[in-house]
Protein backbone atom coordinates (compact mmCIF):
# COMPACT_ATOMS: atom_id res chain seq x y z
CA UNK A 1 -7.68 3.51 -9.78
CA UNK A 2 -8.65 1.72 -6.43
CA UNK A 3 -11.79 2.14 -3.98
CA UNK A 4 -9.97 1.29 -0.62
CA UNK A 5 -9.48 4.95 0.14
CA UNK A 6 -12.52 5.65 -0.54
CA UNK A 7 -14.27 2.51 1.50
CA UNK A 8 -11.76 3.72 4.55
CA UNK A 9 -12.72 7.56 4.51
CA UNK A 10 -16.24 6.46 4.56
CA UNK A 11 -15.67 4.18 7.48
CA UNK A 12 -14.28 6.98 9.23
CA UNK A 13 -16.86 9.76 9.18
CA UNK A 14 -19.06 6.55 9.78
CA UNK A 15 -17.48 5.86 13.12
CA UNK A 16 -16.95 9.26 14.31
CA UNK A 17 -19.79 11.20 13.03
CA UNK A 18 -22.85 8.12 13.56
CA UNK A 19 -22.88 4.76 16.16
CA UNK A 20 -22.02 2.85 13.62
CA UNK A 21 -23.49 1.23 10.07
CA UNK A 22 -27.44 0.78 9.73
CA UNK A 23 -28.42 -2.50 9.77
CA UNK A 24 -28.36 -4.39 5.83
CA UNK A 25 -32.13 -4.09 4.45
CA UNK A 26 -32.03 -0.37 6.11
CA UNK A 27 -29.51 0.30 3.58
CA UNK A 28 -31.66 -1.56 1.16
CA UNK A 29 -34.41 1.14 1.85
CA UNK A 30 -31.98 3.79 1.93
CA UNK A 31 -30.30 2.94 -1.08
CA UNK A 32 -33.41 2.84 -3.07
CA UNK A 33 -34.95 6.08 -1.51
CA UNK A 34 -31.10 7.55 -3.04
CA UNK A 35 -31.76 5.56 -6.64
CA UNK A 36 -35.41 7.39 -6.64
CA UNK A 37 -34.42 10.87 -5.85
CA UNK A 38 -31.46 9.97 -8.78
CA UNK A 39 -34.13 8.85 -11.25
CA UNK A 40 -36.16 11.92 -10.46
CA UNK A 41 -32.96 14.34 -10.81
CA UNK A 42 -32.42 12.55 -14.29
CA UNK A 43 -36.24 13.34 -14.80
CA UNK A 44 -36.37 16.62 -14.40
CA UNK A 45 -33.32 17.28 -17.00
CA UNK A 46 -33.61 14.50 -19.23
CA UNK A 47 -37.34 12.98 -19.52
CA UNK A 48 -41.24 14.75 -19.56
CA UNK A 49 -41.36 14.80 -15.52
CA UNK A 50 -40.47 18.47 -14.97
CA UNK A 51 -40.62 19.87 -11.45
CA UNK A 52 -43.36 20.93 -10.02
CA UNK A 53 -43.98 24.95 -8.97
CA UNK A 54 -41.50 25.94 -6.32
CA UNK A 55 -39.32 22.41 -6.59
CA UNK A 56 -36.04 23.04 -7.59
CA UNK A 57 -34.57 20.80 -10.34
CA UNK A 58 -32.91 17.79 -9.18
CA UNK A 59 -29.41 17.78 -9.05
CA UNK A 60 -27.47 14.55 -10.70
CA UNK A 61 -24.09 14.66 -9.52
CA UNK A 62 -25.10 15.05 -5.61
CA UNK A 63 -27.51 12.36 -5.82
CA UNK A 64 -25.51 9.88 -7.89
CA UNK A 65 -23.15 10.86 -4.84
CA UNK A 66 -25.66 9.94 -2.22
CA UNK A 67 -26.22 6.04 -4.05
CA UNK A 68 -22.32 5.47 -3.77
CA UNK A 69 -22.06 6.86 -0.15
CA UNK A 70 -24.45 4.55 0.09
CA UNK A 71 -23.29 1.49 -1.20
CA UNK A 72 -19.83 2.13 0.10
CA UNK A 73 -21.25 1.53 3.47
CA UNK A 74 -23.51 -1.28 2.63
CA UNK A 75 -20.05 -3.07 1.20
CA UNK A 76 -17.97 -1.80 4.22
CA UNK A 77 -20.80 -3.27 6.57
CA UNK A 78 -20.65 -6.54 4.80
CA UNK A 79 -16.54 -6.59 4.82
CA UNK A 80 -16.85 -6.73 1.28
CA UNK A 81 -13.70 -4.99 -0.73
CA UNK A 82 -14.87 -3.42 -3.76
CA UNK A 83 -10.95 -3.60 -5.34
CA UNK A 84 -11.57 -7.57 -5.29
CA UNK A 85 -15.47 -6.76 -6.94
CA UNK A 86 -14.45 -4.52 -9.85
CA UNK A 87 -11.98 -6.56 -10.05
CA UNK A 88 -14.42 -9.25 -10.49
CA UNK A 89 -16.56 -7.55 -12.81
CA UNK A 90 -13.76 -6.26 -15.47
CA UNK A 91 -12.41 -10.14 -15.91
CA UNK A 92 -16.60 -11.27 -16.01
CA UNK A 93 -17.09 -8.08 -18.69
CA UNK A 94 -13.97 -8.39 -20.32
CA UNK A 95 -13.60 -12.61 -20.36
CA UNK A 96 -17.33 -14.26 -20.29
CA UNK A 97 -19.12 -11.22 -22.44
CA UNK A 98 -16.48 -10.01 -24.78
CA UNK A 99 -18.12 -11.61 -27.57
CA UNK A 100 -21.72 -10.19 -26.75
CA UNK A 101 -21.95 -6.74 -27.70
CA UNK A 102 -20.55 -7.26 -31.30
C-alpha cells in the first residue's frame, strides 16, 4: 500500500491542468469547504438534516474523494511524503496508544 502513486497522479494533473498549487492557506480554506460538504452529505444520509426541497442528497463517497484530493494537494505543495506520515501515524497508534483503547 502506498500513497506515492496517488500523490504523483495529483501532481501530474495539477501541473498539466492548472497554474500550480494554491497557497497553503487557500488550500486550508478548500479543505474546510470540502469537509463541510462531506458533513452535509453524511447528515443527509444518516442525520436529521435532510436535503431541502429540490436539493439532491449529497454523495458521501464523492465528497470524501474531494477532501482527499485537496489534502493530497496540500501534502504535495508542502513536500510531505504521505507514506512517511502514514507510517509515523501507524507507529504512534500501535506503540504509544497500544493500551489506550483496551
